[in-house]
Amino acid sequence: MHLAAPGLHVVGYWSDPSGVELPADKFDTYLRDEGLDAIAAQRVERPSTAPVRERFARCAKSLLQVGPATASAADRRLGLPLELIAERNPYAIGPDQMLPLRLTYQDRPLAGALVAAINSLDPAVRRSARSDADGRVQFALHPGGLWLVKAVHMVEAAADTGAQWSSLWASLTFEVRTAASDE
């Protein structure tokens, strides 16, 4: 992709659903790791050691800045079923400023979801927060490196899918530049 026009560009991708089968213990670990507490609680109420079938789709976005960043440039809703939206231009935030984000599911705020931010330069350090009633979280993100912000939402799968669970994986990627890389 070649982006010549200056400004903040939004690129999105929504995958077709894929299926996966996991052993029960690995599925339960995945639920804990992704903060899917309601589904984990259901599995405790209805314990099973049988493999679990899941359908998942990815809802990915990238923000790409061409030229100088401005605070007025903004991310926008693409209509993905699960979507992370930056409420400020991440390329225009300072090192002591927060980046507010909003998580929506089917165009409505998604409350209580675990949202994590991971930097490519130090992936072991994760920032995470639960979305509030308006689907909002905010993070202080240090400059440098590519950031991945992600969230997962899971519901019971429709009977005709051949799966027990259906999940959507939202991601938002962007770079928080250092002063040296802005020049």
N, C-alpha and C. Protein backbone atom coordinates (compact mmCIF):
# COMPACT_ATOMS: atom_id res chain seq x y z
N MET A 1 0.85 -1.16 0.00
CA MET A 1 0.00 0.00 0.00
C MET A 1 0.90 1.23 0.00
N HIS A 2 0.58 2.18 -0.83
CA HIS A 2 1.32 3.43 -0.90
C HIS A 2 0.38 4.56 -0.51
N LEU A 3 0.72 5.26 0.56
CA LEU A 3 -0.09 6.37 1.04
C LEU A 3 0.67 7.67 0.79
N ALA A 4 0.21 8.47 -0.13
CA ALA A 4 0.90 9.71 -0.47
C ALA A 4 0.26 10.92 0.20
N ALA A 5 -1.04 10.89 0.41
CA ALA A 5 -1.73 12.04 0.98
C ALA A 5 -1.39 12.18 2.46
N PRO A 6 -1.07 13.39 2.91
CA PRO A 6 -0.78 13.57 4.33
C PRO A 6 -2.03 13.36 5.18
N GLY A 7 -1.80 12.98 6.42
CA GLY A 7 -2.90 12.81 7.36
C GLY A 7 -2.89 11.45 8.02
N LEU A 8 -3.92 11.21 8.81
CA LEU A 8 -4.08 9.93 9.50
C LEU A 8 -4.97 9.04 8.64
N HIS A 9 -4.46 7.87 8.29
CA HIS A 9 -5.19 6.92 7.45
C HIS A 9 -5.62 5.73 8.31
N VAL A 10 -6.83 5.26 8.07
CA VAL A 10 -7.39 4.14 8.82
C VAL A 10 -7.56 2.97 7.85
N VAL A 11 -6.95 1.83 8.20
CA VAL A 11 -7.03 0.63 7.37
C VAL A 11 -7.68 -0.46 8.22
N GLY A 12 -8.69 -1.14 7.65
CA GLY A 12 -9.39 -2.16 8.42
C GLY A 12 -9.49 -3.47 7.68
N TYR A 13 -9.70 -4.54 8.46
CA TYR A 13 -9.84 -5.89 7.92
C TYR A 13 -10.77 -6.67 8.82
N TRP A 14 -11.74 -7.35 8.23
CA TRP A 14 -12.66 -8.23 8.96
C TRP A 14 -12.57 -9.58 8.29
N SER A 15 -12.08 -10.57 9.00
CA SER A 15 -11.86 -11.89 8.41
C SER A 15 -13.15 -12.69 8.37
N ASP A 16 -13.17 -13.69 7.50
CA ASP A 16 -14.22 -14.71 7.55
C ASP A 16 -13.99 -15.53 8.81
N PRO A 17 -15.03 -16.12 9.37
CA PRO A 17 -14.85 -16.95 10.56
C PRO A 17 -14.00 -18.19 10.25
N SER A 18 -13.19 -18.56 11.23
CA SER A 18 -12.39 -19.79 11.18
C SER A 18 -12.74 -20.62 12.40
N GLY A 19 -12.52 -21.91 12.29
CA GLY A 19 -12.81 -22.80 13.40
C GLY A 19 -11.55 -23.33 14.05
N VAL A 20 -11.65 -23.61 15.33
CA VAL A 20 -10.54 -24.20 16.06
C VAL A 20 -11.15 -25.11 17.14
N GLU A 21 -10.44 -26.19 17.43
CA GLU A 21 -10.84 -27.08 18.52
C GLU A 21 -9.68 -27.14 19.50
N LEU A 22 -9.99 -26.89 20.76
CA LEU A 22 -8.96 -26.88 21.80
C LEU A 22 -9.31 -27.88 22.90
N PRO A 23 -8.29 -28.51 23.48
CA PRO A 23 -8.55 -29.33 24.67
C PRO A 23 -9.15 -28.42 25.76
N ALA A 24 -9.99 -28.99 26.60
CA ALA A 24 -10.71 -28.22 27.62
C ALA A 24 -9.78 -27.39 28.48
N ASP A 25 -8.66 -27.96 28.92
CA ASP A 25 -7.75 -27.21 29.80
C ASP A 25 -7.12 -26.02 29.08
N LYS A 26 -6.77 -26.18 27.82
CA LYS A 26 -6.20 -25.06 27.05
C LYS A 26 -7.25 -23.98 26.80
N PHE A 27 -8.48 -24.38 26.55
CA PHE A 27 -9.56 -23.42 26.36
C PHE A 27 -9.78 -22.61 27.64
N ASP A 28 -9.76 -23.29 28.78
CA ASP A 28 -9.95 -22.59 30.06
C ASP A 28 -8.81 -21.62 30.33
N THR A 29 -7.60 -21.98 29.99
CA THR A 29 -6.45 -21.07 30.13
C THR A 29 -6.61 -19.86 29.22
N TYR A 30 -7.02 -20.10 27.99
CA TYR A 30 -7.28 -19.02 27.03
C TYR A 30 -8.33 -18.05 27.57
N LEU A 31 -9.41 -18.57 28.17
CA LEU A 31 -10.44 -17.72 28.74
C LEU A 31 -9.86 -16.82 29.83
N ARG A 32 -9.03 -17.39 30.70
CA ARG A 32 -8.40 -16.60 31.76
C ARG A 32 -7.46 -15.55 31.17
N ASP A 33 -6.63 -15.96 30.21
CA ASP A 33 -5.66 -15.03 29.62
C ASP A 33 -6.32 -13.85 28.93
N GLU A 34 -7.46 -14.06 28.31
CA GLU A 34 -8.14 -13.00 27.56
C GLU A 34 -9.20 -12.27 28.39
N GLY A 35 -9.31 -12.64 29.68
CA GLY A 35 -10.24 -11.95 30.56
C GLY A 35 -11.70 -12.24 30.28
N LEU A 36 -11.98 -13.41 29.73
CA LEU A 36 -13.36 -13.79 29.40
C LEU A 36 -14.00 -14.47 30.62
N ASP A 37 -14.14 -13.69 31.68
CA ASP A 37 -14.57 -14.20 32.97
C ASP A 37 -15.98 -14.79 32.95
N ALA A 38 -16.90 -14.19 32.21
CA ALA A 38 -18.28 -14.69 32.18
C ALA A 38 -18.33 -16.08 31.55
N ILE A 39 -17.55 -16.29 30.50
CA ILE A 39 -17.53 -17.61 29.84
C ILE A 39 -16.84 -18.61 30.76
N ALA A 40 -15.76 -18.19 31.42
CA ALA A 40 -15.07 -19.07 32.37
C ALA A 40 -16.01 -19.50 33.49
N ALA A 41 -16.82 -18.57 33.97
CA ALA A 41 -17.78 -18.89 35.04
C ALA A 41 -18.82 -19.90 34.56
N GLN A 42 -19.28 -19.75 33.32
CA GLN A 42 -20.23 -20.72 32.76
C GLN A 42 -19.60 -22.11 32.69
N ARG A 43 -18.31 -22.16 32.35
CA ARG A 43 -17.64 -23.46 32.24
C ARG A 43 -17.45 -24.09 33.61
N VAL A 44 -17.32 -23.29 34.65
CA VAL A 44 -17.23 -23.83 36.01
C VAL A 44 -18.58 -24.41 36.41
N GLU A 45 -19.66 -23.72 36.04
CA GLU A 45 -21.02 -24.19 36.36
C GLU A 45 -21.36 -25.47 35.61
N ARG A 46 -20.83 -25.59 34.38
CA ARG A 46 -21.09 -26.77 33.54
C ARG A 46 -19.75 -27.40 33.13
N PRO A 47 -19.05 -28.01 34.09
CA PRO A 47 -17.70 -28.51 33.78
C PRO A 47 -17.72 -29.63 32.73
N SER A 48 -16.67 -29.62 31.91
CA SER A 48 -16.52 -30.65 30.89
C SER A 48 -15.05 -30.79 30.55
N THR A 49 -14.65 -32.02 30.28
CA THR A 49 -13.27 -32.27 29.84
C THR A 49 -13.21 -32.51 28.33
N ALA A 50 -14.35 -32.39 27.66
CA ALA A 50 -14.40 -32.59 26.21
C ALA A 50 -13.74 -31.41 25.49
N PRO A 51 -13.15 -31.67 24.33
CA PRO A 51 -12.58 -30.56 23.54
C PRO A 51 -13.67 -29.53 23.23
N VAL A 52 -13.23 -28.30 23.06
CA VAL A 52 -14.15 -27.19 22.82
C VAL A 52 -13.96 -26.67 21.40
N ARG A 53 -15.07 -26.50 20.69
CA ARG A 53 -15.04 -25.96 19.32
C ARG A 53 -15.44 -24.49 19.36
N GLU A 54 -14.62 -23.67 18.72
CA GLU A 54 -14.85 -22.23 18.69
C GLU A 54 -14.73 -21.73 17.26
N ARG A 55 -15.57 -20.76 16.91
CA ARG A 55 -15.44 -20.01 15.65
C ARG A 55 -14.97 -18.62 16.02
N PHE A 56 -14.00 -18.12 15.28
CA PHE A 56 -13.50 -16.79 15.58
C PHE A 56 -13.28 -16.00 14.30
N ALA A 57 -13.37 -14.70 14.43
CA ALA A 57 -13.08 -13.79 13.32
C ALA A 57 -12.26 -12.63 13.87
N ARG A 58 -11.41 -12.11 13.01
CA ARG A 58 -10.56 -10.98 13.39
C ARG A 58 -11.15 -9.69 12.84
N CYS A 59 -11.09 -8.66 13.68
CA CYS A 59 -11.56 -7.31 13.33
C CYS A 59 -10.37 -6.38 13.58
N ALA A 60 -9.53 -6.22 12.58
CA ALA A 60 -8.26 -5.52 12.75
C ALA A 60 -8.28 -4.14 12.11
N LYS A 61 -7.63 -3.21 12.78
CA LYS A 61 -7.46 -1.85 12.25
C LYS A 61 -6.03 -1.42 12.47
N SER A 62 -5.52 -0.59 11.56
CA SER A 62 -4.22 0.06 11.71
C SER A 62 -4.39 1.54 11.43
N LEU A 63 -3.72 2.35 12.23
CA LEU A 63 -3.69 3.78 12.00
C LEU A 63 -2.31 4.12 11.46
N LEU A 64 -2.27 4.78 10.31
CA LEU A 64 -1.02 5.12 9.64
C LEU A 64 -0.96 6.63 9.45
N GLN A 65 0.11 7.23 9.93
CA GLN A 65 0.27 8.68 9.83
C GLN A 65 1.25 9.01 8.71
N VAL A 66 0.84 9.88 7.79
CA VAL A 66 1.72 10.38 6.73
C VAL A 66 1.90 11.87 6.99
N GLY A 67 3.15 12.30 7.13
CA GLY A 67 3.44 13.70 7.40
C GLY A 67 3.24 14.01 8.87
N PRO A 68 3.27 15.31 9.18
CA PRO A 68 3.13 15.72 10.58
C PRO A 68 1.77 15.33 11.15
N ALA A 69 1.78 14.92 12.41
CA ALA A 69 0.54 14.55 13.10
C ALA A 69 -0.15 15.78 13.64
N THR A 70 -1.46 15.77 13.58
CA THR A 70 -2.25 16.84 14.17
C THR A 70 -3.27 16.24 15.12
N ALA A 71 -3.56 16.97 16.18
CA ALA A 71 -4.54 16.48 17.16
C ALA A 71 -5.94 16.41 16.56
N SER A 72 -6.20 17.19 15.51
CA SER A 72 -7.55 17.19 14.92
C SER A 72 -7.82 15.95 14.06
N ALA A 73 -6.76 15.27 13.60
CA ALA A 73 -6.96 14.04 12.82
C ALA A 73 -7.46 12.96 13.78
N ALA A 74 -8.40 12.15 13.31
CA ALA A 74 -9.00 11.18 14.22
C ALA A 74 -9.24 9.84 13.54
N ASP A 75 -9.21 8.81 14.36
CA ASP A 75 -9.66 7.48 13.95
C ASP A 75 -11.15 7.59 13.66
N ARG A 76 -11.70 6.61 13.00
CA ARG A 76 -13.13 6.61 12.74
C ARG A 76 -13.66 5.19 12.82
N ARG A 77 -14.95 5.10 13.05
CA ARG A 77 -15.64 3.82 13.08
C ARG A 77 -15.69 3.24 11.68
N LEU A 78 -15.35 1.97 11.56
CA LEU A 78 -15.44 1.29 10.27
C LEU A 78 -16.65 0.36 10.20
N GLY A 79 -17.34 0.16 11.32
CA GLY A 79 -18.49 -0.73 11.34
C GLY A 79 -18.13 -2.19 11.53
N LEU A 80 -16.94 -2.47 12.06
CA LEU A 80 -16.56 -3.85 12.37
C LEU A 80 -17.44 -4.34 13.52
N PRO A 81 -17.73 -5.64 13.57
CA PRO A 81 -18.62 -6.12 14.65
C PRO A 81 -18.03 -5.91 16.05
N LEU A 82 -16.72 -6.02 16.20
CA LEU A 82 -16.02 -5.67 17.44
C LEU A 82 -14.93 -4.70 17.02
N GLU A 83 -14.97 -3.50 17.58
CA GLU A 83 -14.06 -2.47 17.05
C GLU A 83 -13.47 -1.62 18.16
N LEU A 84 -12.16 -1.42 18.08
CA LEU A 84 -11.46 -0.49 18.94
C LEU A 84 -11.27 0.81 18.17
N ILE A 85 -11.61 1.92 18.82
CA ILE A 85 -11.54 3.23 18.18
C ILE A 85 -10.71 4.15 19.06
N ALA A 86 -9.63 4.69 18.51
CA ALA A 86 -8.82 5.67 19.25
C ALA A 86 -9.56 6.99 19.25
N GLU A 87 -9.76 7.57 20.42
CA GLU A 87 -10.50 8.82 20.51
C GLU A 87 -9.59 10.04 20.43
N ARG A 88 -8.30 9.82 20.31
CA ARG A 88 -7.32 10.87 20.03
C ARG A 88 -6.34 10.28 19.03
N ASN A 89 -5.69 11.12 18.28
CA ASN A 89 -4.67 10.66 17.33
C ASN A 89 -3.45 10.19 18.12
N PRO A 90 -3.13 8.89 18.11
CA PRO A 90 -1.99 8.41 18.90
C PRO A 90 -0.65 8.98 18.43
N TYR A 91 -0.59 9.43 17.19
CA TYR A 91 0.63 10.03 16.67
C TYR A 91 0.83 11.45 17.19
N ALA A 92 -0.20 12.04 17.79
CA ALA A 92 -0.13 13.42 18.25
C ALA A 92 -0.10 13.54 19.78
N ILE A 93 -0.09 12.42 20.50
CA ILE A 93 -0.07 12.51 21.96
C ILE A 93 1.35 12.66 22.46
N GLY A 94 1.49 13.36 23.57
CA GLY A 94 2.79 13.53 24.21
C GLY A 94 3.06 12.40 25.17
N PRO A 95 4.31 12.33 25.69
CA PRO A 95 4.68 11.20 26.55
C PRO A 95 3.91 11.14 27.87
N ASP A 96 3.35 12.23 28.34
CA ASP A 96 2.60 12.22 29.61
C ASP A 96 1.11 12.27 29.40
N GLN A 97 0.66 12.06 28.16
CA GLN A 97 -0.76 12.14 27.86
C GLN A 97 -1.36 10.73 27.72
N MET A 98 -2.64 10.65 28.03
CA MET A 98 -3.35 9.38 27.94
C MET A 98 -3.96 9.24 26.55
N LEU A 99 -4.04 7.99 26.09
CA LEU A 99 -4.74 7.69 24.84
C LEU A 99 -6.08 7.06 25.20
N PRO A 100 -7.20 7.77 24.99
CA PRO A 100 -8.51 7.18 25.25
C PRO A 100 -8.95 6.33 24.05
N LEU A 101 -9.54 5.19 24.36
CA LEU A 101 -10.04 4.27 23.34
C LEU A 101 -11.45 3.85 23.69
N ARG A 102 -12.19 3.47 22.67
CA ARG A 102 -13.54 2.98 22.89
C ARG A 102 -13.69 1.63 22.20
N LEU A 103 -14.32 0.69 22.88
CA LEU A 103 -14.58 -0.64 22.35
C LEU A 103 -16.08 -0.78 22.12
N THR A 104 -16.44 -1.16 20.88
CA THR A 104 -17.86 -1.36 20.57
C THR A 104 -18.07 -2.78 20.06
N TYR A 105 -19.26 -3.30 20.37
CA TYR A 105 -19.71 -4.59 19.87
C TYR A 105 -21.06 -4.35 19.21
N GLN A 106 -21.14 -4.67 17.94
CA GLN A 106 -22.36 -4.43 17.16
C GLN A 106 -22.82 -2.97 17.30
N ASP A 107 -21.87 -2.06 17.17
CA ASP A 107 -22.09 -0.61 17.20
C ASP A 107 -22.57 -0.07 18.55
N ARG A 108 -22.42 -0.84 19.62
CA ARG A 108 -22.78 -0.38 20.96
C ARG A 108 -21.57 -0.51 21.86
N PRO A 109 -21.44 0.36 22.86
CA PRO A 109 -20.32 0.24 23.80
C PRO A 109 -20.31 -1.13 24.46
N LEU A 110 -19.12 -1.71 24.60
CA LEU A 110 -18.98 -3.01 25.27
C LEU A 110 -18.31 -2.78 26.62
N ALA A 111 -19.06 -2.98 27.68
CA ALA A 111 -18.57 -2.79 29.05
C ALA A 111 -17.94 -4.06 29.58
N GLY A 112 -16.94 -3.92 30.44
CA GLY A 112 -16.36 -5.03 31.16
C GLY A 112 -15.38 -5.89 30.39
N ALA A 113 -15.03 -5.50 29.18
CA ALA A 113 -14.08 -6.30 28.38
C ALA A 113 -12.65 -5.95 28.78
N LEU A 114 -11.78 -6.95 28.77
CA LEU A 114 -10.37 -6.73 29.04
C LEU A 114 -9.71 -6.21 27.77
N VAL A 115 -9.13 -5.03 27.85
CA VAL A 115 -8.41 -4.43 26.73
C VAL A 115 -6.94 -4.37 27.13
N ALA A 116 -6.07 -4.86 26.27
CA ALA A 116 -4.63 -4.89 26.57
C ALA A 116 -3.87 -4.12 25.50
N ALA A 117 -2.80 -3.44 25.93
CA ALA A 117 -1.91 -2.71 25.03
C ALA A 117 -0.51 -3.29 25.19
N ILE A 118 0.11 -3.65 24.07
CA ILE A 118 1.42 -4.31 24.06
C ILE A 118 2.31 -3.58 23.09
N ASN A 119 3.55 -3.29 23.51
CA ASN A 119 4.51 -2.59 22.66
C ASN A 119 5.51 -3.58 22.07
N SER A 120 5.83 -3.42 20.78
CA SER A 120 6.74 -4.34 20.10
C SER A 120 8.15 -4.32 20.67
N LEU A 121 8.54 -3.21 21.29
CA LEU A 121 9.89 -3.11 21.84
C LEU A 121 10.02 -3.80 23.20
N ASP A 122 8.90 -4.01 23.88
CA ASP A 122 8.91 -4.65 25.20
C ASP A 122 7.61 -5.40 25.40
N PRO A 123 7.41 -6.51 24.65
CA PRO A 123 6.11 -7.21 24.69
C PRO A 123 5.78 -7.84 26.04
N ALA A 124 6.77 -8.00 26.92
CA ALA A 124 6.49 -8.59 28.23
C ALA A 124 5.72 -7.62 29.12
N VAL A 125 5.83 -6.32 28.84
CA VAL A 125 5.12 -5.32 29.62
C VAL A 125 3.79 -5.02 28.93
N ARG A 126 2.72 -5.38 29.61
CA ARG A 126 1.38 -5.17 29.06
C ARG A 126 0.64 -4.17 29.93
N ARG A 127 -0.09 -3.31 29.29
CA ARG A 127 -1.01 -2.45 30.01
C ARG A 127 -2.39 -3.02 29.75
N SER A 128 -3.21 -3.09 30.78
CA SER A 128 -4.55 -3.63 30.57
C SER A 128 -5.54 -2.92 31.48
N ALA A 129 -6.77 -2.88 31.02
CA ALA A 129 -7.86 -2.27 31.78
C ALA A 129 -9.17 -2.87 31.27
N ARG A 130 -10.17 -2.83 32.12
CA ARG A 130 -11.52 -3.25 31.74
C ARG A 130 -12.27 -2.03 31.21
N SER A 131 -13.01 -2.22 30.14
CA SER A 131 -13.79 -1.13 29.58
C SER A 131 -14.92 -0.74 30.53
N ASP A 132 -15.19 0.56 30.61
CA ASP A 132 -16.24 1.04 31.49
C ASP A 132 -17.62 0.90 30.82
N ALA A 133 -18.64 1.46 31.44
CA ALA A 133 -20.01 1.32 30.93
C ALA A 133 -20.17 1.91 29.53
N ASP A 134 -19.31 2.86 29.16
CA ASP A 134 -19.33 3.47 27.83
C ASP A 134 -18.37 2.79 26.86
N GLY A 135 -17.78 1.65 27.28
CA GLY A 135 -16.82 0.93 26.43
C GLY A 135 -15.45 1.58 26.39
N ARG A 136 -15.16 2.47 27.33
CA ARG A 136 -13.92 3.25 27.26
C ARG A 136 -12.85 2.72 28.21
N VAL A 137 -11.61 2.84 27.73
CA VAL A 137 -10.40 2.62 28.52
C VAL A 137 -9.42 3.71 28.11
N GLN A 138 -8.37 3.89 28.89
CA GLN A 138 -7.30 4.79 28.47
C GLN A 138 -5.97 4.27 29.00
N PHE A 139 -4.94 4.54 28.21
CA PHE A 139 -3.60 4.08 28.54
C PHE A 139 -2.59 5.20 28.35
N ALA A 140 -1.58 5.21 29.21
CA ALA A 140 -0.38 6.03 28.98
C ALA A 140 0.58 5.12 28.21
N LEU A 141 0.96 5.52 27.02
CA LEU A 141 1.80 4.70 26.16
C LEU A 141 3.13 5.40 25.93
N HIS A 142 4.22 4.74 26.31
CA HIS A 142 5.52 5.38 26.10
C HIS A 142 5.86 5.45 24.62
N PRO A 143 6.62 6.47 24.22
CA PRO A 143 6.98 6.61 22.81
C PRO A 143 7.93 5.50 22.36
N GLY A 144 7.92 5.25 21.09
CA GLY A 144 8.80 4.25 20.49
C GLY A 144 8.11 2.92 20.32
N GLY A 145 8.27 2.35 19.17
CA GLY A 145 7.73 1.03 18.91
C GLY A 145 6.31 1.03 18.39
N LEU A 146 5.93 -0.11 17.91
CA LEU A 146 4.59 -0.34 17.39
C LEU A 146 3.73 -0.86 18.53
N TRP A 147 2.55 -0.27 18.69
CA TRP A 147 1.62 -0.70 19.73
C TRP A 147 0.51 -1.54 19.13
N LEU A 148 0.14 -2.60 19.84
CA LEU A 148 -1.01 -3.43 19.54
C LEU A 148 -1.97 -3.30 20.72
N VAL A 149 -3.17 -2.83 20.45
CA VAL A 149 -4.23 -2.80 21.46
C VAL A 149 -5.23 -3.86 21.02
N LYS A 150 -5.65 -4.72 21.97
CA LYS A 150 -6.50 -5.85 21.57
C LYS A 150 -7.56 -6.14 22.62
N ALA A 151 -8.63 -6.77 22.15
CA ALA A 151 -9.71 -7.23 23.03
C ALA A 151 -10.41 -8.40 22.35
N VAL A 152 -11.00 -9.27 23.16
CA VAL A 152 -11.75 -10.42 22.65
C VAL A 152 -13.14 -10.40 23.28
N HIS A 153 -14.13 -10.72 22.47
CA HIS A 153 -15.50 -10.87 22.98
C HIS A 153 -16.03 -12.21 22.50
N MET A 154 -16.67 -12.95 23.41
CA MET A 154 -17.16 -14.28 23.09
C MET A 154 -18.62 -14.43 23.50
N VAL A 155 -19.36 -15.13 22.65
CA VAL A 155 -20.75 -15.46 22.93
C VAL A 155 -20.97 -16.93 22.55
N GLU A 156 -22.10 -17.48 22.98
CA GLU A 156 -22.44 -18.84 22.54
C GLU A 156 -22.66 -18.82 21.04
N ALA A 157 -22.17 -19.83 20.36
CA ALA A 157 -22.29 -19.90 18.90
C ALA A 157 -23.70 -20.31 18.49
N ALA A 158 -24.09 -19.86 17.33
CA ALA A 158 -25.38 -20.27 16.76
C ALA A 158 -25.36 -21.78 16.54
N ALA A 159 -26.51 -22.40 16.66
CA ALA A 159 -26.62 -23.86 16.58
C ALA A 159 -26.12 -24.42 15.25
N ASP A 160 -26.26 -23.67 14.17
CA ASP A 160 -25.89 -24.19 12.85
C ASP A 160 -24.40 -24.03 12.50
N THR A 161 -23.58 -23.59 13.44
CA THR A 161 -22.15 -23.35 13.15
C THR A 161 -21.26 -24.55 13.42
N GLY A 162 -21.75 -25.50 14.20
CA GLY A 162 -20.92 -26.64 14.56
C GLY A 162 -19.92 -26.31 15.66
N ALA A 163 -20.06 -25.14 16.27
CA ALA A 163 -19.16 -24.71 17.35
C ALA A 163 -19.98 -24.43 18.60
N GLN A 164 -19.30 -24.44 19.73
CA GLN A 164 -19.96 -24.10 20.99
C GLN A 164 -19.88 -22.61 21.28
N TRP A 165 -18.79 -21.99 20.85
CA TRP A 165 -18.52 -20.59 21.15
C TRP A 165 -18.14 -19.84 19.89
N SER A 166 -18.47 -18.57 19.87
CA SER A 166 -18.11 -17.69 18.76
C SER A 166 -17.40 -16.47 19.35
N SER A 167 -16.24 -16.15 18.81
CA SER A 167 -15.50 -15.01 19.35
C SER A 167 -15.07 -14.06 18.24
N LEU A 168 -14.91 -12.83 18.64
CA LEU A 168 -14.38 -11.78 17.78
C LEU A 168 -13.14 -11.22 18.44
N TRP A 169 -12.11 -11.02 17.65
CA TRP A 169 -10.83 -10.49 18.12
C TRP A 169 -10.63 -9.12 17.50
N ALA A 170 -10.69 -8.08 18.31
CA ALA A 170 -10.45 -6.73 17.82
C ALA A 170 -9.00 -6.36 18.07
N SER A 171 -8.40 -5.65 17.12
CA SER A 171 -7.06 -5.12 17.32
C SER A 171 -6.95 -3.75 16.67
N LEU A 172 -6.08 -2.94 17.25
CA LEU A 172 -5.76 -1.62 16.72
C LEU A 172 -4.26 -1.47 16.84
N THR A 173 -3.59 -1.19 15.73
CA THR A 173 -2.14 -1.00 15.75
C THR A 173 -1.80 0.40 15.28
N PHE A 174 -0.71 0.93 15.83
CA PHE A 174 -0.19 2.25 15.49
C PHE A 174 1.19 2.36 16.11
N GLU A 175 1.89 3.39 15.74
CA GLU A 175 3.22 3.65 16.29
C GLU A 175 3.16 4.93 17.10
N VAL A 176 3.75 4.92 18.30
CA VAL A 176 3.91 6.14 19.07
C VAL A 176 5.35 6.57 18.87
N ARG A 177 5.53 7.61 18.09
CA ARG A 177 6.87 8.02 17.68
C ARG A 177 7.67 8.66 18.81
N THR A 178 8.97 8.49 18.72
CA THR A 178 9.88 9.23 19.59
C THR A 178 10.20 10.54 18.91
N ALA A 179 10.72 11.50 19.65
CA ALA A 179 11.05 12.80 19.06
C ALA A 179 12.04 12.64 17.90
N ALA A 180 12.99 11.72 18.03
CA ALA A 180 13.99 11.51 16.97
C ALA A 180 13.36 10.96 15.70
N SER A 181 12.34 10.12 15.82
CA SER A 181 11.73 9.53 14.62
C SER A 181 10.74 10.48 13.95
N ASP A 182 10.37 11.58 14.65
CA ASP A 182 9.46 12.55 14.05
C ASP A 182 10.16 13.46 13.06
N GLU A 183 11.46 13.53 13.14
CA GLU A 183 12.20 14.46 12.28
C GLU A 183 12.38 13.94 10.89
